[in-house]
């Protein structure tokens, strides 16, 4: 596949429309529930651009990376190459390039006074019991106070007031950075970037050791340095071709009620006191496009899955060099269930793959290891392997009381049991006992060739 780099959200939307992946909604939609409902109806089929949002002149887009095919085309590779391409980018980051304010489209409009987020931007309310409008597609960029290294992540951000946001921060890199600032009773400067190109959006979710700059991974995916520009009120650099940037401060020692909010496991994350961001300035294009990600849609899940799969593949490969592919399944919220295909050479490799998977992410609860003849993206094929190649007393391991994910409602405040299933063929078994049945030339048959002929005869 020819690599074509999309440097802006706009160029990507044009490409999606050309390929038939983008639907335009011209009728007016309400930002309360209706917009999210329409976007979810299109989930996994098309991206959607809403041209008329009630009360606003600004368009809204959703679902821009809602299929693996979209992600593959954005990366310029086949679906099978997506994970290895992303893993390569993580391993070979490309330093960013700073450009002037005059060159940066996101500096076309600069606002420092009378900031009212809800009146300025069509921030939707997605689910019935959400506590209010939420910004869900903003890349939060902050710098480690000790090293100055950038960190990029996406968080749910509830609009609490005209220029005030509540934020959920899980115990990952941003929390570590925030704690450093809070211990010194200093605010942490942040920039919230809305409306970026698809590769920068994807790179923001990279699973890396602390101290890696995700924007440099975006540069590696593009094959050239990502262009950044300095913010107006905070010491942070942001993607110069973004649609909108909110500049602000994550306040020390301040907590306000945030939530509930419909999260990726398809349950509501509960309300509790969370940190608060105050927005001091806004920069944007003259006619910006607002982007939202509807929680628990395929876009939401895939954005988390691809980077996690890349990390999972690399870690499993260290334990089992013959690993063929990995998949975090949609049914497992693209977080909790992993399927791993290996070319087994020694007994015990399936279990080694399981332990490597559990070590790669606290979120993974269940791991199924299969042979290379099983299509790990086909849930029916995986279930068939479990049904015909697994005996529970021999091939299932259970780990009790491990660290999991607090957003998993079945966990005990994040403490979770974990299970591994070895659905591989025993090496000593007769080959014919587990050989898949096959019809010669089955893959070459095009059913439409036969049905079209039948339909023509029926019409005549």
Protein backbone atom coordinates (compact mmCIF):
# COMPACT_ATOMS: atom_id res chain seq x y z
CA UNK A 1 0.00 0.00 0.00
CA UNK A 2 1.29 3.49 -0.86
CA UNK A 3 2.00 5.62 2.21
CA UNK A 4 0.08 8.89 2.21
CA UNK A 5 0.49 11.07 5.28
CA UNK A 6 -2.54 13.04 6.45
CA UNK A 7 -1.24 16.02 8.40
CA UNK A 8 -4.57 17.51 9.44
CA UNK A 9 -8.01 16.40 10.52
CA UNK A 10 -9.35 18.17 7.42
CA UNK A 11 -7.23 16.25 4.93
CA UNK A 12 -8.25 13.01 6.63
CA UNK A 13 -11.95 13.92 6.43
CA UNK A 14 -11.52 14.64 2.72
CA UNK A 15 -9.92 11.22 2.25
CA UNK A 16 -12.71 9.51 4.21
CA UNK A 17 -15.36 11.22 2.08
CA UNK A 18 -13.58 10.27 -1.16
CA UNK A 19 -13.46 6.62 -0.08
CA UNK A 20 -17.09 6.51 1.03
CA UNK A 21 -16.22 6.27 4.75
CA UNK A 22 -17.71 9.65 5.74
CA UNK A 23 -21.40 10.50 5.98
CA UNK A 24 -22.57 14.14 6.16
CA UNK A 25 -25.56 14.92 8.39
CA UNK A 26 -27.17 18.12 7.11
CA UNK A 27 -30.26 18.17 9.34
CA UNK A 28 -30.02 19.86 12.73
CA UNK A 29 -29.09 17.62 15.65
CA UNK A 30 -29.25 18.28 19.37
CA UNK A 31 -25.91 18.06 21.23
CA UNK A 32 -27.83 16.44 24.10
CA UNK A 33 -27.96 12.70 23.27
CA UNK A 34 -29.11 12.98 19.63
CA UNK A 35 -25.67 13.65 18.19
CA UNK A 36 -24.17 10.73 20.14
CA UNK A 37 -27.03 8.44 19.14
CA UNK A 38 -26.56 9.12 15.42
CA UNK A 39 -22.77 8.71 15.71
CA UNK A 40 -23.21 5.40 17.51
CA UNK A 41 -25.66 4.15 14.85
CA UNK A 42 -22.90 4.72 12.26
CA UNK A 43 -20.21 3.22 14.49
CA UNK A 44 -17.98 0.72 12.74
CA UNK A 45 -19.30 1.69 9.31
CA UNK A 46 -18.73 5.40 8.73
CA UNK A 47 -17.34 8.54 10.27
CA UNK A 48 -20.00 11.24 10.64
CA UNK A 49 -19.82 15.00 10.19
CA UNK A 50 -22.66 17.00 11.71
CA UNK A 51 -22.99 20.30 9.87
CA UNK A 52 -25.81 21.78 11.98
CA UNK A 53 -25.61 21.33 15.73
CA UNK A 54 -28.44 23.05 17.60
CA UNK A 55 -27.25 26.36 19.04
CA UNK A 56 -23.91 26.38 17.20
CA UNK A 57 -22.44 27.22 13.81
CA UNK A 58 -19.45 24.91 14.33
CA UNK A 59 -19.54 21.40 12.79
CA UNK A 60 -18.80 18.27 14.82
CA UNK A 61 -17.13 15.06 13.65
CA UNK A 62 -17.11 11.60 15.25
CA UNK A 63 -15.92 8.12 14.33
CA UNK A 64 -12.88 9.12 12.27
CA UNK A 65 -11.01 5.93 13.22
CA UNK A 66 -13.88 3.53 13.83
CA UNK A 67 -12.60 0.52 11.84
CA UNK A 68 -9.29 -1.27 11.52
CA UNK A 69 -9.47 -0.56 7.78
CA UNK A 70 -9.61 3.20 8.45
CA UNK A 71 -6.63 2.93 10.79
CA UNK A 72 -4.69 0.86 8.27
CA UNK A 73 -5.36 3.37 5.47
CA UNK A 74 -4.36 6.28 7.71
CA UNK A 75 -1.07 4.46 8.38
CA UNK A 76 -0.60 3.45 4.74
CA UNK A 77 -0.36 -0.28 5.47
CA UNK A 78 -2.52 -3.40 5.38
CA UNK A 79 -4.61 -4.37 8.39
CA UNK A 80 -2.17 -7.18 9.15
CA UNK A 81 0.72 -4.68 9.30
CA UNK A 82 -0.91 -2.12 11.61
CA UNK A 83 0.44 -3.49 14.89
CA UNK A 84 4.01 -3.98 13.65
CA UNK A 85 4.01 -0.51 12.05
CA UNK A 86 2.92 1.06 15.31
CA UNK A 87 5.46 -0.98 17.30
CA UNK A 88 8.18 0.23 14.92
CA UNK A 89 7.14 3.85 15.44
CA UNK A 90 7.28 3.42 19.21
CA UNK A 91 10.78 2.00 18.92
CA UNK A 92 12.02 4.74 16.55
CA UNK A 93 10.53 8.12 17.56
CA UNK A 94 11.17 11.17 15.38
CA UNK A 95 11.86 14.53 17.12
CA UNK A 96 9.27 17.25 16.48
CA UNK A 97 9.88 20.54 14.66
CA UNK A 98 8.89 23.93 16.08
CA UNK A 99 7.34 26.45 13.68
CA UNK A 100 6.34 30.08 14.13
CA UNK A 101 2.92 31.32 15.23
CA UNK A 102 2.44 32.88 11.80
CA UNK A 103 2.78 29.46 10.17
CA UNK A 104 0.38 27.68 12.52
CA UNK A 105 -3.33 27.45 11.53
CA UNK A 106 -4.31 26.82 15.16
CA UNK A 107 -3.20 30.42 15.94
CA UNK A 108 -5.65 32.10 13.55
CA UNK A 109 -7.86 33.07 16.52
CA UNK A 110 -6.54 33.80 20.02
CA UNK A 111 -8.93 34.35 22.95
CA UNK A 112 -7.78 35.29 26.45
CA UNK A 113 -10.89 36.83 28.00
CA UNK A 114 -14.50 35.82 28.70
CA UNK A 115 -13.92 32.12 28.08
CA UNK A 116 -17.12 30.08 28.20
CA UNK A 117 -16.47 26.59 26.86
CA UNK A 118 -20.08 25.51 26.36
CA UNK A 119 -21.10 28.68 24.55
CA UNK A 120 -17.97 28.58 22.36
CA UNK A 121 -17.91 24.89 21.44
CA UNK A 122 -20.63 22.27 20.77
CA UNK A 123 -19.55 19.91 23.56
CA UNK A 124 -22.03 17.00 23.47
CA UNK A 125 -23.68 15.08 26.28
CA UNK A 126 -23.44 11.42 25.29
CA UNK A 127 -25.27 9.11 27.67
CA UNK A 128 -28.44 9.29 29.71
CA UNK A 129 -26.79 9.48 33.14
CA UNK A 130 -23.68 11.46 32.17
CA UNK A 131 -23.21 14.34 34.60
CA UNK A 132 -23.17 16.87 31.74
CA UNK A 133 -21.28 17.80 28.59
CA UNK A 134 -17.90 16.06 28.26
CA UNK A 135 -14.84 16.80 26.13
CA UNK A 136 -13.72 13.32 25.06
CA UNK A 137 -11.27 13.74 22.15
CA UNK A 138 -8.78 16.25 23.58
CA UNK A 139 -5.10 15.36 23.69
CA UNK A 140 -3.89 16.57 27.08
CA UNK A 141 -0.25 17.66 26.81
CA UNK A 142 1.77 18.33 29.95
CA UNK A 143 5.47 18.43 30.81
CA UNK A 144 7.25 16.57 33.57
CA UNK A 145 8.35 19.33 36.01
CA UNK A 146 11.64 17.49 36.60
CA UNK A 147 12.70 16.76 33.01
CA UNK A 148 10.57 18.98 30.77
CA UNK A 149 9.61 15.92 28.67
CA UNK A 150 6.12 16.09 27.16
CA UNK A 151 3.43 13.54 27.98
CA UNK A 152 0.29 13.11 25.89
CA UNK A 153 -2.91 11.35 26.95
CA UNK A 154 -6.69 11.49 26.54
CA UNK A 155 -9.01 11.91 29.52
CA UNK A 156 -12.69 12.43 30.13
CA UNK A 157 -13.25 16.12 30.89
CA UNK A 158 -16.53 17.28 32.38
CA UNK A 159 -17.48 20.91 31.86
CA UNK A 160 -18.01 22.18 35.42
CA UNK A 161 -18.20 25.90 34.67
CA UNK A 162 -17.50 28.50 31.98
CA UNK A 163 -13.74 27.86 32.08
CA UNK A 164 -13.52 24.93 34.49
CA UNK A 165 -13.18 21.19 33.76
CA UNK A 166 -13.23 18.13 35.99
CA UNK A 167 -10.81 15.38 34.97
CA UNK A 168 -10.43 11.67 35.64
CA UNK A 169 -6.73 10.79 35.94
CA UNK A 170 -5.92 7.10 36.31
CA UNK A 171 -2.65 6.11 38.09
CA UNK A 172 -0.47 6.41 34.99
CA UNK A 173 2.02 8.95 33.64
CA UNK A 174 -0.06 12.12 33.98
CA UNK A 175 -0.91 11.26 37.58
CA UNK A 176 2.81 10.91 38.35
CA UNK A 177 3.52 14.29 36.74
CA UNK A 178 0.60 15.95 38.51
CA UNK A 179 1.71 14.60 41.89
CA UNK A 180 5.15 16.17 41.42
CA UNK A 181 3.56 19.59 40.86
CA UNK A 182 0.99 19.14 43.63
CA UNK A 183 3.64 18.17 46.18
CA UNK A 184 5.21 21.61 45.57
CA UNK A 185 1.77 23.29 45.70
CA UNK A 186 2.15 24.39 42.10
CA UNK A 187 -0.37 24.13 39.27
CA UNK A 188 0.52 21.87 36.37
CA UNK A 189 0.34 23.65 33.03
CA UNK A 190 -1.66 21.75 30.42
CA UNK A 191 -2.86 22.15 26.85
CA UNK A 192 -5.97 20.38 25.55
CA UNK A 193 -5.74 19.82 21.80
CA UNK A 194 -8.95 19.02 19.87
CA UNK A 195 -9.09 18.01 16.21
CA UNK A 196 -5.77 16.50 15.11
CA UNK A 197 -4.74 14.22 12.27
CA UNK A 198 -5.48 10.49 12.70
CA UNK A 199 -1.89 9.39 13.32
CA UNK A 200 -1.30 11.96 16.07
CA UNK A 201 -4.59 10.91 17.66
CA UNK A 202 -3.49 7.27 17.56
CA UNK A 203 0.03 8.03 18.83
CA UNK A 204 -1.41 9.77 21.89
CA UNK A 205 -2.47 6.34 23.16
CA UNK A 206 0.96 4.71 22.89
CA UNK A 207 1.88 2.46 25.81
CA UNK A 208 5.45 3.48 26.60
CA UNK A 209 7.80 3.70 29.58
CA UNK A 210 7.56 6.95 31.52
CA UNK A 211 9.51 9.74 29.84
CA UNK A 212 8.64 9.05 26.21
CA UNK A 213 7.09 11.82 24.09
CA UNK A 214 4.05 10.49 22.21
CA UNK A 215 4.26 13.37 19.72
CA UNK A 216 7.59 11.94 18.56
CA UNK A 217 5.85 8.62 17.95
CA UNK A 218 3.35 10.55 15.81
CA UNK A 219 6.32 11.87 13.83
CA UNK A 220 7.56 8.32 13.29
CA UNK A 221 4.14 7.26 12.02
CA UNK A 222 4.14 10.22 9.61
CA UNK A 223 7.69 9.52 8.53
CA UNK A 224 8.70 13.12 9.25
CA UNK A 225 8.81 15.53 12.22
CA UNK A 226 5.45 16.64 13.58
CA UNK A 227 5.10 20.43 13.40
CA UNK A 228 4.50 22.09 16.77
CA UNK A 229 3.90 25.66 17.91
CA UNK A 230 4.31 27.29 21.33
CA UNK A 231 1.23 28.04 23.43
CA UNK A 232 0.31 31.58 24.46
CA UNK A 233 -0.02 31.26 28.25
CA UNK A 234 1.70 27.97 29.14
CA UNK A 235 5.15 26.56 28.40
CA UNK A 236 3.89 23.78 26.15
CA UNK A 237 4.16 23.03 22.44
CA UNK A 238 1.11 21.73 20.57
CA UNK A 239 0.38 20.35 17.06
CA UNK A 240 0.34 23.43 14.83
CA UNK A 241 -2.35 22.12 12.47
CA UNK A 242 -4.90 21.24 15.16
CA UNK A 243 -8.38 22.74 15.14
CA UNK A 244 -8.63 23.95 18.76
CA UNK A 245 -6.33 24.33 21.78
CA UNK A 246 -7.47 25.07 25.34
CA UNK A 247 -4.61 26.32 27.54
CA UNK A 248 -4.92 25.96 31.28
CA UNK A 249 -3.74 24.83 34.69
CA UNK A 250 -4.39 21.60 36.61
CA UNK A 251 -4.86 23.03 40.09
CA UNK A 252 -3.05 21.63 43.15
CA UNK A 253 -5.10 20.50 46.12
CA UNK A 254 -8.46 21.19 44.45
CA UNK A 255 -11.08 18.47 44.06
CA UNK A 256 -14.68 18.79 42.86
CA UNK A 257 -17.38 16.28 42.01
CA UNK A 258 -17.04 14.75 38.55
CA UNK A 259 -19.19 12.04 36.97
CA UNK A 260 -20.95 9.77 36.44
CA UNK A 261 -19.85 9.16 32.86
CA UNK A 262 -20.50 6.28 30.42
CA UNK A 263 -17.11 4.59 29.99
CA UNK A 264 -15.53 2.08 27.59
CA UNK A 265 -16.67 -1.06 29.50
CA UNK A 266 -20.26 0.11 28.69
CA UNK A 267 -20.94 0.98 32.32
CA UNK A 268 -20.99 4.33 34.10
CA UNK A 269 -17.83 5.43 35.86
CA UNK A 270 -19.10 6.64 39.26
CA UNK A 271 -19.12 10.21 40.53
CA UNK A 272 -16.39 11.25 42.95
CA UNK A 273 -14.18 14.22 43.74
CA UNK A 274 -11.58 14.72 41.03
CA UNK A 275 -8.89 17.28 40.10
CA UNK A 276 -9.87 20.47 38.30
CA UNK A 277 -8.48 22.30 35.25
CA UNK A 278 -8.98 26.04 34.77
CA UNK A 279 -8.79 27.28 31.16
CA UNK A 280 -7.00 30.62 30.67
CA UNK A 281 -6.81 30.92 26.88
CA UNK A 282 -8.16 29.42 23.68
CA UNK A 283 -6.56 29.34 20.23
CA UNK A 284 -8.20 27.87 17.14
CA UNK A 285 -8.68 28.07 13.41
CA UNK A 286 -11.05 30.72 12.04
CA UNK A 287 -13.74 28.14 11.34
CA UNK A 288 -12.77 25.19 13.53
CA UNK A 289 -14.17 21.68 13.44
CA UNK A 290 -15.00 20.17 16.84
CA UNK A 291 -14.23 16.49 17.36
CA UNK A 292 -15.87 14.12 19.83
CA UNK A 293 -15.35 10.44 20.60
CA UNK A 294 -18.49 8.67 21.82
CA UNK A 295 -17.49 6.41 24.70
CA UNK A 296 -17.62 2.63 24.18
CA UNK A 297 -17.87 2.93 20.39
CA UNK A 298 -15.48 1.05 18.13
CA UNK A 299 -13.48 4.25 17.64
CA UNK A 300 -12.99 4.58 21.39
CA UNK A 301 -12.02 0.92 21.75
CA UNK A 302 -9.72 0.74 18.71
CA UNK A 303 -7.82 3.87 19.70
CA UNK A 304 -6.87 2.05 22.87
CA UNK A 305 -6.46 -1.36 21.26
CA UNK A 306 -3.90 -0.70 18.51
CA UNK A 307 -1.17 0.80 20.76
CA UNK A 308 -1.84 -1.83 23.41
CA UNK A 309 -1.59 -4.60 20.82
CA UNK A 310 1.74 -3.18 19.64
CA UNK A 311 3.11 -3.25 23.16
CA UNK A 312 1.61 -6.67 23.84
CA UNK A 313 3.17 -8.11 20.67
CA UNK A 314 6.64 -6.84 21.58
CA UNK A 315 6.50 -8.21 25.14
CA UNK A 316 5.10 -11.60 24.14
CA UNK A 317 7.76 -11.84 21.41
CA UNK A 318 10.46 -11.63 24.08
CA UNK A 319 8.94 -14.66 25.82
CA UNK A 320 7.80 -16.58 22.71
CA UNK A 321 9.76 -15.51 19.60
CA UNK A 322 7.38 -17.42 17.31
CA UNK A 323 4.36 -15.28 18.19
CA UNK A 324 2.38 -14.60 15.00
CA UNK A 325 -0.23 -12.02 16.01
CA UNK A 326 -2.17 -10.59 18.96
CA UNK A 327 -5.70 -9.23 19.27
CA UNK A 328 -7.51 -7.37 22.04
CA UNK A 329 -11.11 -8.31 21.32
CA UNK A 330 -14.07 -5.91 21.06
CA UNK A 331 -16.08 -8.16 23.36
CA UNK A 332 -13.41 -7.64 25.99
CA UNK A 333 -13.66 -3.85 25.56
CA UNK A 334 -10.33 -3.97 23.66
CA UNK A 335 -8.64 -4.04 27.05
CA UNK A 336 -9.54 -7.14 29.06
CA UNK A 337 -9.44 -10.11 26.63
CA UNK A 338 -6.40 -10.99 24.55
CA UNK A 339 -6.04 -13.68 21.88
CA UNK A 340 -2.51 -14.66 20.89
CA UNK A 341 -1.47 -16.85 17.95
CA UNK A 342 1.86 -18.66 18.19
CA UNK A 343 3.78 -21.15 16.07
CA UNK A 344 4.34 -23.52 18.97
CA UNK A 345 7.69 -25.32 18.99
CA UNK A 346 7.86 -26.38 22.65
CA UNK A 347 5.26 -27.33 25.24
CA UNK A 348 4.81 -24.60 27.80
CA UNK A 349 5.15 -21.75 25.29
CA UNK A 350 1.42 -21.05 25.46
CA UNK A 351 1.67 -20.48 29.20
CA UNK A 352 4.74 -18.29 28.74
CA UNK A 353 2.73 -16.19 26.30
CA UNK A 354 -0.06 -15.88 28.88
CA UNK A 355 2.27 -14.66 31.62
CA UNK A 356 3.92 -12.20 29.25
CA UNK A 357 0.48 -10.84 28.32
CA UNK A 358 -0.52 -10.42 31.95
CA UNK A 359 2.79 -8.66 32.63
CA UNK A 360 2.28 -6.32 29.67
CA UNK A 361 -0.85 -4.69 31.08
CA UNK A 362 -2.71 -4.80 34.38
CA UNK A 363 -5.93 -4.43 32.40
CA UNK A 364 -5.74 -7.86 30.72
CA UNK A 365 -7.94 -10.39 32.52
CA UNK A 366 -8.32 -13.32 30.11
CA UNK A 367 -5.80 -14.66 27.59
CA UNK A 368 -6.44 -17.33 24.99
CA UNK A 369 -3.43 -18.76 23.15
CA UNK A 370 -4.06 -20.54 19.84
CA UNK A 371 -2.09 -22.03 16.98
CA UNK A 372 -1.25 -20.08 13.83
CA UNK A 373 -4.00 -21.83 11.85
CA UNK A 374 -6.66 -20.02 13.93
CA UNK A 375 -7.96 -16.61 12.81
CA UNK A 376 -7.64 -14.58 16.00
CA UNK A 377 -9.89 -11.83 14.59
CA UNK A 378 -12.72 -14.33 14.12
CA UNK A 379 -14.40 -14.99 17.48
CA UNK A 380 -16.08 -18.13 16.09
CA UNK A 381 -12.71 -19.58 15.10
CA UNK A 382 -11.24 -18.78 18.52
CA UNK A 383 -14.20 -20.37 20.28
CA UNK A 384 -13.80 -23.43 18.03
CA UNK A 385 -10.16 -23.74 19.13
CA UNK A 386 -11.18 -23.58 22.79
CA UNK A 387 -13.92 -26.14 22.21
CA UNK A 388 -11.75 -28.67 20.39
CA UNK A 389 -8.22 -28.13 21.69
CA UNK A 390 -8.66 -27.28 25.36
CA UNK A 391 -9.34 -29.37 28.48
CA UNK A 392 -10.07 -27.16 31.49
CA UNK A 393 -8.27 -29.32 34.07
CA UNK A 394 -5.11 -29.30 31.99
CA UNK A 395 -5.13 -26.10 29.95
CA UNK A 396 -6.71 -23.40 32.13
CA UNK A 397 -4.80 -21.40 34.73
CA UNK A 398 -6.37 -18.96 37.20
CA UNK A 399 -4.55 -16.20 39.09
CA UNK A 400 -6.45 -14.77 42.06
CA UNK A 401 -6.22 -11.27 43.50
CA UNK A 402 -4.11 -9.59 40.81
CA UNK A 403 -3.97 -5.89 40.02
CA UNK A 404 -6.59 -5.00 37.39
CA UNK A 405 -8.56 -1.97 36.26
CA UNK A 406 -10.84 0.06 38.51
CA UNK A 407 -13.24 0.74 35.65
CA UNK A 408 -13.98 -3.00 35.49
CA UNK A 409 -17.20 -3.18 37.57
CA UNK A 410 -16.59 -6.84 38.46
CA UNK A 411 -13.26 -6.01 40.15
CA UNK A 412 -12.85 -5.22 43.83
CA UNK A 413 -11.64 -1.64 43.46
CA UNK A 414 -9.24 -2.81 40.76
CA UNK A 415 -8.31 -6.18 42.31
CA UNK A 416 -9.18 -8.86 39.77
CA UNK A 417 -8.81 -12.57 39.06
CA UNK A 418 -7.16 -13.49 35.78
CA UNK A 419 -7.45 -16.55 33.53
CA UNK A 420 -5.36 -18.07 30.78
CA UNK A 421 -6.57 -20.70 28.30
CA UNK A 422 -4.20 -22.86 26.29
CA UNK A 423 -6.12 -23.75 23.12
CA UNK A 424 -3.09 -24.99 21.21
CA UNK A 425 -2.63 -28.51 19.84
CA UNK A 426 -0.37 -30.77 21.96
CA UNK A 427 2.90 -31.23 20.09
CA UNK A 428 2.85 -35.02 20.44
CA UNK A 429 -0.65 -35.44 19.00
CA UNK A 430 -1.08 -37.13 15.60
CA UNK A 431 -1.26 -34.39 12.95
CA UNK A 432 -4.43 -35.76 11.37
CA UNK A 433 -6.29 -35.63 14.69
CA UNK A 434 -6.32 -31.82 14.76
CA UNK A 435 -6.07 -31.04 11.05
CA UNK A 436 -8.62 -28.49 9.89
CA UNK A 437 -10.94 -29.73 7.15
CA UNK A 438 -10.46 -27.97 3.84
CA UNK A 439 -12.17 -27.67 0.46
CA UNK A 440 -9.67 -27.21 -2.38
CA UNK A 441 -9.77 -23.74 -4.00
CA UNK A 442 -12.38 -22.56 -1.49
CA UNK A 443 -10.66 -19.17 -1.16
CA UNK A 444 -10.92 -18.58 -4.92
CA UNK A 445 -14.69 -18.98 -5.03
CA UNK A 446 -16.63 -15.71 -5.42
CA UNK A 447 -20.18 -16.37 -4.31
CA UNK A 448 -21.49 -13.39 -6.26
CA UNK A 449 -20.32 -15.04 -9.48
CA UNK A 450 -22.77 -17.85 -8.84
CA UNK A 451 -25.60 -15.80 -7.38
CA UNK A 452 -25.53 -13.20 -10.18
CA UNK A 453 -25.97 -15.94 -12.78
CA UNK A 454 -28.83 -17.37 -10.77
CA UNK A 455 -30.50 -13.95 -10.46
CA UNK A 456 -30.21 -13.28 -14.17
CA UNK A 457 -31.88 -16.59 -15.00
CA UNK A 458 -34.63 -15.87 -12.47
CA UNK A 459 -35.37 -12.47 -14.05
CA UNK A 460 -35.55 -13.97 -17.55
